[in-house]
Amino acid sequence: MKRAGKALRRGLEDAGVSQALLAYRTGISTKHINLVLQGKARLSVDVAVQIQAAVPGISAEGLLLLQLREELAEARRRRVSG
């Protein structure tokens, strides 16, 4: 989740979009956006699509793939160590 949050943060910075503006454009709370940016909240497909529609240059697929890869790596680490 942290990789997707970092990528989203970079995309917002590149587009000149603040968390507050993203919240306004998407209807998602600033608290939830901040949790996603910090990697503390999972990015849902619906939220990723809303973000893509609100911010030029951000890909829902790209964000979700980063999240999925991170989740797969974590699951594999748990399997090996467990």
PDB file of N, CA and C in Angstrom:
ATOM      1  N   MET A   1       0.813  -1.190   0.000  1.00  0.00           N
ATOM      2  CA  MET A   1       0.000   0.000   0.000  1.00  0.00           C
ATOM      3  C   MET A   1       0.862   1.261   0.000  1.00  0.00           C
ATOM      4  N   LYS A   2       2.066   1.131   0.552  1.00  0.00           N
ATOM      5  CA  LYS A   2       2.922   2.310   0.612  1.00  0.00           C
ATOM      6  C   LYS A   2       3.378   2.753  -0.767  1.00  0.00           C
ATOM      7  N   ARG A   3       3.628   1.797  -1.665  1.00  0.00           N
ATOM      8  CA  ARG A   3       4.063   2.172  -3.017  1.00  0.00           C
ATOM      9  C   ARG A   3       2.982   2.940  -3.748  1.00  0.00           C
ATOM     10  N   ALA A   4       1.751   2.489  -3.635  1.00  0.00           N
ATOM     11  CA  ALA A   4       0.646   3.190  -4.294  1.00  0.00           C
ATOM     12  C   ALA A   4       0.483   4.588  -3.701  1.00  0.00           C
ATOM     13  N   GLY A   5       0.618   4.706  -2.405  1.00  0.00           N
ATOM     14  CA  GLY A   5       0.520   6.013  -1.745  1.00  0.00           C
ATOM     15  C   GLY A   5       1.606   6.967  -2.211  1.00  0.00           C
ATOM     16  N   LYS A   6       2.826   6.449  -2.327  1.00  0.00           N
ATOM     17  CA  LYS A   6       3.936   7.285  -2.800  1.00  0.00           C
ATOM     18  C   LYS A   6       3.710   7.715  -4.245  1.00  0.00           C
ATOM     19  N   ALA A   7       3.244   6.789  -5.080  1.00  0.00           N
ATOM     20  CA  ALA A   7       2.978   7.114  -6.477  1.00  0.00           C
ATOM     21  C   ALA A   7       1.858   8.154  -6.579  1.00  0.00           C
ATOM     22  N   LEU A   8       0.838   7.998  -5.764  1.00  0.00           N
ATOM     23  CA  LEU A   8      -0.258   8.963  -5.764  1.00  0.00           C
ATOM     24  C   LEU A   8       0.244  10.325  -5.324  1.00  0.00           C
ATOM     25  N   ARG A   9       1.060  10.368  -4.303  1.00  0.00           N
ATOM     26  CA  ARG A   9       1.612  11.640  -3.818  1.00  0.00           C
ATOM     27  C   ARG A   9       2.399  12.341  -4.931  1.00  0.00           C
ATOM     28  N   ARG A  10       3.247  11.575  -5.623  1.00  0.00           N
ATOM     29  CA  ARG A  10       4.017  12.154  -6.733  1.00  0.00           C
ATOM     30  C   ARG A  10       3.092  12.674  -7.831  1.00  0.00           C
ATOM     31  N   GLY A  11       2.057  11.886  -8.158  1.00  0.00           N
ATOM     32  CA  GLY A  11       1.111  12.310  -9.187  1.00  0.00           C
ATOM     33  C   GLY A  11       0.376  13.581  -8.820  1.00  0.00           C
ATOM     34  N   LEU A  12      -0.005  13.688  -7.559  1.00  0.00           N
ATOM     35  CA  LEU A  12      -0.675  14.906  -7.094  1.00  0.00           C
ATOM     36  C   LEU A  12       0.254  16.106  -7.180  1.00  0.00           C
ATOM     37  N   GLU A  13       1.501  15.898  -6.745  1.00  0.00           N
ATOM     38  CA  GLU A  13       2.477  16.990  -6.805  1.00  0.00           C
ATOM     39  C   GLU A  13       2.714  17.418  -8.247  1.00  0.00           C
ATOM     40  N   ASP A  14       2.884  16.445  -9.139  1.00  0.00           N
ATOM     41  CA  ASP A  14       3.122  16.751 -10.556  1.00  0.00           C
ATOM     42  C   ASP A  14       1.954  17.517 -11.174  1.00  0.00           C
ATOM     43  N   ALA A  15       0.747  17.196 -10.749  1.00  0.00           N
ATOM     44  CA  ALA A  15      -0.448  17.845 -11.295  1.00  0.00           C
ATOM     45  C   ALA A  15      -0.796  19.139 -10.554  1.00  0.00           C
ATOM     46  N   GLY A  16      -0.092  19.410  -9.458  1.00  0.00           N
ATOM     47  CA  GLY A  16      -0.389  20.601  -8.671  1.00  0.00           C
ATOM     48  C   GLY A  16      -1.711  20.514  -7.941  1.00  0.00           C
ATOM     49  N   VAL A  17      -2.061  19.298  -7.522  1.00  0.00           N
ATOM     50  CA  VAL A  17      -3.343  19.064  -6.847  1.00  0.00           C
ATOM     51  C   VAL A  17      -3.080  18.745  -5.376  1.00  0.00           C
ATOM     52  N   SER A  18      -3.704  19.503  -4.493  1.00  0.00           N
ATOM     53  CA  SER A  18      -3.561  19.263  -3.056  1.00  0.00           C
ATOM     54  C   SER A  18      -4.510  18.145  -2.608  1.00  0.00           C
ATOM     55  N   GLN A  19      -4.277  17.647  -1.407  1.00  0.00           N
ATOM     56  CA  GLN A  19      -5.184  16.646  -0.837  1.00  0.00           C
ATOM     57  C   GLN A  19      -6.588  17.227  -0.715  1.00  0.00           C
ATOM     58  N   ALA A  20      -6.672  18.483  -0.307  1.00  0.00           N
ATOM     59  CA  ALA A  20      -7.987  19.116  -0.145  1.00  0.00           C
ATOM     60  C   ALA A  20      -8.708  19.225  -1.483  1.00  0.00           C
ATOM     61  N   LEU A  21      -7.978  19.583  -2.543  1.00  0.00           N
ATOM     62  CA  LEU A  21      -8.599  19.689  -3.862  1.00  0.00           C
ATOM     63  C   LEU A  21      -9.028  18.308  -4.368  1.00  0.00           C
ATOM     64  N   LEU A  22      -8.193  17.292  -4.127  1.00  0.00           N
ATOM     65  CA  LEU A  22      -8.562  15.937  -4.521  1.00  0.00           C
ATOM     66  C   LEU A  22      -9.826  15.506  -3.786  1.00  0.00           C
ATOM     67  N   ALA A  23      -9.906  15.815  -2.504  1.00  0.00           N
ATOM     68  CA  ALA A  23     -11.099  15.477  -1.724  1.00  0.00           C
ATOM     69  C   ALA A  23     -12.330  16.166  -2.307  1.00  0.00           C
ATOM     70  N   TYR A  24     -12.188  17.415  -2.652  1.00  0.00           N
ATOM     71  CA  TYR A  24     -13.300  18.169  -3.233  1.00  0.00           C
ATOM     72  C   TYR A  24     -13.741  17.561  -4.567  1.00  0.00           C
ATOM     73  N   ARG A  25     -12.767  17.243  -5.414  1.00  0.00           N
ATOM     74  CA  ARG A  25     -13.083  16.717  -6.751  1.00  0.00           C
ATOM     75  C   ARG A  25     -13.700  15.321  -6.718  1.00  0.00           C
ATOM     76  N   THR A  26     -13.325  14.529  -5.716  1.00  0.00           N
ATOM     77  CA  THR A  26     -13.771  13.137  -5.673  1.00  0.00           C
ATOM     78  C   THR A  26     -14.894  12.876  -4.675  1.00  0.00           C
ATOM     79  N   GLY A  27     -15.033  13.731  -3.690  1.00  0.00           N
ATOM     80  CA  GLY A  27     -15.996  13.479  -2.625  1.00  0.00           C
ATOM     81  C   GLY A  27     -15.475  12.514  -1.572  1.00  0.00           C
ATOM     82  N   ILE A  28     -14.194  12.194  -1.655  1.00  0.00           N
ATOM     83  CA  ILE A  28     -13.538  11.313  -0.673  1.00  0.00           C
ATOM     84  C   ILE A  28     -13.013  12.201   0.449  1.00  0.00           C
ATOM     85  N   SER A  29     -13.132  11.759   1.680  1.00  0.00           N
ATOM     86  CA  SER A  29     -12.688  12.592   2.790  1.00  0.00           C
ATOM     87  C   SER A  29     -11.176  12.810   2.745  1.00  0.00           C
ATOM     88  N   THR A  30     -10.754  13.973   3.210  1.00  0.00           N
ATOM     89  CA  THR A  30      -9.314  14.253   3.264  1.00  0.00           C
ATOM     90  C   THR A  30      -8.616  13.261   4.194  1.00  0.00           C
ATOM     91  N   LYS A  31      -9.310  12.825   5.232  1.00  0.00           N
ATOM     92  CA  LYS A  31      -8.726  11.849   6.149  1.00  0.00           C
ATOM     93  C   LYS A  31      -8.399  10.554   5.413  1.00  0.00           C
ATOM     94  N   HIS A  32      -9.336  10.073   4.599  1.00  0.00           N
ATOM     95  CA  HIS A  32      -9.103   8.824   3.875  1.00  0.00           C
ATOM     96  C   HIS A  32      -7.986   9.005   2.845  1.00  0.00           C
ATOM     97  N   ILE A  33      -7.985  10.117   2.145  1.00  0.00           N
ATOM     98  CA  ILE A  33      -6.923  10.383   1.177  1.00  0.00           C
ATOM     99  C   ILE A  33      -5.572  10.385   1.876  1.00  0.00           C
ATOM    100  N   ASN A  34      -5.497  11.025   3.020  1.00  0.00           N
ATOM    101  CA  ASN A  34      -4.242  11.056   3.765  1.00  0.00           C
ATOM    102  C   ASN A  34      -3.810   9.664   4.191  1.00  0.00           C
ATOM    103  N   LEU A  35      -4.743   8.833   4.613  1.00  0.00           N
ATOM    104  CA  LEU A  35      -4.412   7.459   5.005  1.00  0.00           C
ATOM    105  C   LEU A  35      -3.888   6.655   3.815  1.00  0.00           C
ATOM    106  N   VAL A  36      -4.465   6.856   2.637  1.00  0.00           N
ATOM    107  CA  VAL A  36      -3.978   6.190   1.425  1.00  0.00           C
ATOM    108  C   VAL A  36      -2.571   6.663   1.104  1.00  0.00           C
ATOM    109  N   LEU A  37      -2.348   7.965   1.171  1.00  0.00           N
ATOM    110  CA  LEU A  37      -1.027   8.524   0.875  1.00  0.00           C
ATOM    111  C   LEU A  37       0.036   7.989   1.825  1.00  0.00           C
ATOM    112  N   GLN A  38      -0.340   7.747   3.070  1.00  0.00           N
ATOM    113  CA  GLN A  38       0.594   7.220   4.066  1.00  0.00           C
ATOM    114  C   GLN A  38       0.762   5.705   3.977  1.00  0.00           C
ATOM    115  N   GLY A  39      -0.058   5.058   3.163  1.00  0.00           N
ATOM    116  CA  GLY A  39       0.002   3.607   3.061  1.00  0.00           C
ATOM    117  C   GLY A  39      -0.696   2.902   4.200  1.00  0.00           C
ATOM    118  N   LYS A  40      -1.565   3.613   4.896  1.00  0.00           N
ATOM    119  CA  LYS A  40      -2.279   3.038   6.036  1.00  0.00           C
ATOM    120  C   LYS A  40      -3.680   2.561   5.674  1.00  0.00           C
ATOM    121  N   ALA A  41      -4.155   2.939   4.489  1.00  0.00           N
ATOM    122  CA  ALA A  41      -5.470   2.491   4.018  1.00  0.00           C
ATOM    123  C   ALA A  41      -5.304   1.893   2.630  1.00  0.00           C
ATOM    124  N   ARG A  42      -6.016   0.817   2.404  1.00  0.00           N
ATOM    125  CA  ARG A  42      -5.991   0.136   1.109  1.00  0.00           C
ATOM    126  C   ARG A  42      -6.764   0.966   0.092  1.00  0.00           C
ATOM    127  N   LEU A  43      -6.265   0.995  -1.118  1.00  0.00           N
ATOM    128  CA  LEU A  43      -6.906   1.718  -2.204  1.00  0.00           C
ATOM    129  C   LEU A  43      -7.919   0.791  -2.867  1.00  0.00           C
ATOM    130  N   SER A  44      -9.187   1.172  -2.850  1.00  0.00           N
ATOM    131  CA  SER A  44     -10.209   0.353  -3.511  1.00  0.00           C
ATOM    132  C   SER A  44     -10.232   0.684  -4.997  1.00  0.00           C
ATOM    133  N   VAL A  45     -10.815  -0.208  -5.773  1.00  0.00           N
ATOM    134  CA  VAL A  45     -10.943   0.022  -7.216  1.00  0.00           C
ATOM    135  C   VAL A  45     -11.771   1.278  -7.465  1.00  0.00           C
ATOM    136  N   ASP A  46     -12.869   1.435  -6.753  1.00  0.00           N
ATOM    137  CA  ASP A  46     -13.730   2.599  -6.948  1.00  0.00           C
ATOM    138  C   ASP A  46     -12.997   3.906  -6.660  1.00  0.00           C
ATOM    139  N   VAL A  47     -12.241   3.934  -5.570  1.00  0.00           N
ATOM    140  CA  VAL A  47     -11.494   5.142  -5.215  1.00  0.00           C
ATOM    141  C   VAL A  47     -10.417   5.419  -6.257  1.00  0.00           C
ATOM    142  N   ALA A  48      -9.725   4.388  -6.712  1.00  0.00           N
ATOM    143  CA  ALA A  48      -8.689   4.566  -7.731  1.00  0.00           C
ATOM    144  C   ALA A  48      -9.283   5.164  -9.004  1.00  0.00           C
ATOM    145  N   VAL A  49     -10.462   4.706  -9.397  1.00  0.00           N
ATOM    146  CA  VAL A  49     -11.122   5.231 -10.599  1.00  0.00           C
ATOM    147  C   VAL A  49     -11.542   6.690 -10.383  1.00  0.00           C
ATOM    148  N   GLN A  50     -12.027   7.010  -9.198  1.00  0.00           N
ATOM    149  CA  GLN A  50     -12.399   8.391  -8.890  1.00  0.00           C
ATOM    150  C   GLN A  50     -11.179   9.302  -8.962  1.00  0.00           C
ATOM    151  N   ILE A  51     -10.065   8.843  -8.427  1.00  0.00           N
ATOM    152  CA  ILE A  51      -8.842   9.636  -8.447  1.00  0.00           C
ATOM    153  C   ILE A  51      -8.368   9.840  -9.882  1.00  0.00           C
ATOM    154  N   GLN A  52      -8.398   8.779 -10.668  1.00  0.00           N
ATOM    155  CA  GLN A  52      -7.986   8.900 -12.073  1.00  0.00           C
ATOM    156  C   GLN A  52      -8.831   9.942 -12.809  1.00  0.00           C
ATOM    157  N   ALA A  53     -10.126   9.950 -12.547  1.00  0.00           N
ATOM    158  CA  ALA A  53     -11.016  10.907 -13.205  1.00  0.00           C
ATOM    159  C   ALA A  53     -10.745  12.340 -12.742  1.00  0.00           C
ATOM    160  N   ALA A  54     -10.236  12.496 -11.530  1.00  0.00           N
ATOM    161  CA  ALA A  54     -10.056  13.823 -10.949  1.00  0.00           C
ATOM    162  C   ALA A  54      -8.682  14.432 -11.202  1.00  0.00           C
ATOM    163  N   VAL A  55      -7.696  13.591 -11.510  1.00  0.00           N
ATOM    164  CA  VAL A  55      -6.322  14.092 -11.625  1.00  0.00           C
ATOM    165  C   VAL A  55      -5.696  13.605 -12.928  1.00  0.00           C
ATOM    166  N   PRO A  56      -5.431  14.533 -13.843  1.00  0.00           N
ATOM    167  CA  PRO A  56      -4.778  14.143 -15.094  1.00  0.00           C
ATOM    168  C   PRO A  56      -3.422  13.492 -14.825  1.00  0.00           C
ATOM    169  N   GLY A  57      -3.137  12.436 -15.558  1.00  0.00           N
ATOM    170  CA  GLY A  57      -1.836  11.785 -15.430  1.00  0.00           C
ATOM    171  C   GLY A  57      -1.778  10.658 -14.415  1.00  0.00           C
ATOM    172  N   ILE A  58      -2.823  10.478 -13.637  1.00  0.00           N
ATOM    173  CA  ILE A  58      -2.843   9.379 -12.668  1.00  0.00           C
ATOM    174  C   ILE A  58      -3.652   8.229 -13.251  1.00  0.00           C
ATOM    175  N   SER A  59      -3.075   7.038 -13.186  1.00  0.00           N
ATOM    176  CA  SER A  59      -3.704   5.841 -13.720  1.00  0.00           C
ATOM    177  C   SER A  59      -4.221   4.970 -12.589  1.00  0.00           C
ATOM    178  N   ALA A  60      -5.505   4.665 -12.619  1.00  0.00           N
ATOM    179  CA  ALA A  60      -6.075   3.756 -11.620  1.00  0.00           C
ATOM    180  C   ALA A  60      -5.378   2.402 -11.693  1.00  0.00           C
ATOM    181  N   GLU A  61      -5.160   1.917 -12.911  1.00  0.00           N
ATOM    182  CA  GLU A  61      -4.501   0.621 -13.089  1.00  0.00           C
ATOM    183  C   GLU A  61      -3.101   0.628 -12.499  1.00  0.00           C
ATOM    184  N   GLY A  62      -2.372   1.711 -12.732  1.00  0.00           N
ATOM    185  CA  GLY A  62      -1.012   1.808 -12.210  1.00  0.00           C
ATOM    186  C   GLY A  62      -0.975   1.769 -10.691  1.00  0.00           C
ATOM    187  N   LEU A  63      -1.860   2.535 -10.062  1.00  0.00           N
ATOM    188  CA  LEU A  63      -1.915   2.550  -8.599  1.00  0.00           C
ATOM    189  C   LEU A  63      -2.285   1.176  -8.052  1.00  0.00           C
ATOM    190  N   LEU A  64      -3.292   0.552  -8.670  1.00  0.00           N
ATOM    191  CA  LEU A  64      -3.754  -0.748  -8.187  1.00  0.00           C
ATOM    192  C   LEU A  64      -2.706  -1.843  -8.415  1.00  0.00           C
ATOM    193  N   LEU A  65      -1.972  -1.761  -9.512  1.00  0.00           N
ATOM    194  CA  LEU A  65      -0.904  -2.745  -9.751  1.00  0.00           C
ATOM    195  C   LEU A  65       0.206  -2.615  -8.718  1.00  0.00           C
ATOM    196  N   LEU A  66       0.572  -1.395  -8.381  1.00  0.00           N
ATOM    197  CA  LEU A  66       1.580  -1.196  -7.331  1.00  0.00           C
ATOM    198  C   LEU A  66       1.114  -1.808  -6.016  1.00  0.00           C
ATOM    199  N   GLN A  67      -0.140  -1.556  -5.677  1.00  0.00           N
ATOM    200  CA  GLN A  67      -0.699  -2.100  -4.441  1.00  0.00           C
ATOM    201  C   GLN A  67      -0.723  -3.623  -4.475  1.00  0.00           C
ATOM    202  N   LEU A  68      -1.166  -4.189  -5.595  1.00  0.00           N
ATOM    203  CA  LEU A  68      -1.249  -5.640  -5.725  1.00  0.00           C
ATOM    204  C   LEU A  68       0.126  -6.286  -5.608  1.00  0.00           C
ATOM    205  N   ARG A  69       1.115  -5.720  -6.279  1.00  0.00           N
ATOM    206  CA  ARG A  69       2.473  -6.272  -6.200  1.00  0.00           C
ATOM    207  C   ARG A  69       2.994  -6.264  -4.769  1.00  0.00           C
ATOM    208  N   GLU A  70       2.734  -5.185  -4.055  1.00  0.00           N
ATOM    209  CA  GLU A  70       3.165  -5.095  -2.665  1.00  0.00           C
ATOM    210  C   GLU A  70       2.442  -6.136  -1.799  1.00  0.00           C
ATOM    211  N   GLU A  71       1.150  -6.309  -2.022  1.00  0.00           N
ATOM    212  CA  GLU A  71       0.390  -7.292  -1.259  1.00  0.00           C
ATOM    213  C   GLU A  71       0.845  -8.713  -1.567  1.00  0.00           C
ATOM    214  N   LEU A  72       1.157  -8.998  -2.826  1.00  0.00           N
ATOM    215  CA  LEU A  72       1.663 -10.319  -3.199  1.00  0.00           C
ATOM    216  C   LEU A  72       3.011 -10.597  -2.549  1.00  0.00           C
ATOM    217  N   ALA A  73       3.891  -9.612  -2.566  1.00  0.00           N
ATOM    218  CA  ALA A  73       5.206  -9.788  -1.948  1.00  0.00           C
ATOM    219  C   ALA A  73       5.062 -10.059  -0.449  1.00  0.00           C
ATOM    220  N   GLU A  74       4.163  -9.346   0.196  1.00  0.00           N
ATOM    221  CA  GLU A  74       3.939  -9.559   1.633  1.00  0.00           C
ATOM    222  C   GLU A  74       3.379 -10.945   1.900  1.00  0.00           C
ATOM    223  N   ALA A  75       2.434 -11.390   1.078  1.00  0.00           N
ATOM    224  CA  ALA A  75       1.855 -12.727   1.248  1.00  0.00           C
ATOM    225  C   ALA A  75       2.926 -13.798   1.072  1.00  0.00           C
ATOM    226  N   ARG A  76       3.809 -13.618   0.104  1.00  0.00           N
ATOM    227  CA  ARG A  76       4.894 -14.587  -0.119  1.00  0.00           C
ATOM    228  C   ARG A  76       5.857 -14.608   1.050  1.00  0.00           C
ATOM    229  N   ARG A  77       6.164 -13.424   1.598  1.00  0.00           N
ATOM    230  CA  ARG A  77       7.055 -13.374   2.778  1.00  0.00           C
ATOM    231  C   ARG A  77       6.418 -14.104   3.957  1.00  0.00           C
ATOM    232  N   ARG A  78       5.125 -13.909   4.161  1.00  0.00           N
ATOM    233  CA  ARG A  78       4.444 -14.602   5.263  1.00  0.00           C
ATOM    234  C   ARG A  78       4.468 -16.109   5.060  1.00  0.00           C
ATOM    235  N   ARG A  79       4.283 -16.533   3.836  1.00  0.00           N
ATOM    236  CA  ARG A  79       4.274 -17.971   3.522  1.00  0.00           C
ATOM    237  C   ARG A  79       5.631 -18.608   3.781  1.00  0.00           C
ATOM    238  N   VAL A  80       6.691 -17.923   3.392  1.00  0.00           N
ATOM    239  CA  VAL A  80       8.044 -18.440   3.588  1.00  0.00           C
ATOM    240  C   VAL A  80       8.409 -18.471   5.057  1.00  0.00           C
ATOM    241  N   SER A  81       8.052 -17.407   5.784  1.00  0.00           N
ATOM    242  CA  SER A  81       8.436 -17.326   7.189  1.00  0.00           C
ATOM    243  C   SER A  81       7.484 -18.080   8.101  1.00  0.00           C
ATOM    244  N   GLY A  82       6.306 -18.431   7.591  1.00  0.00           N
ATOM    245  CA  GLY A  82       5.287 -19.056   8.424  1.00  0.00           C
ATOM    246  C   GLY A  82       5.335 -20.519   8.307  1.00  0.00           C
TER     247      GLY A  82
END
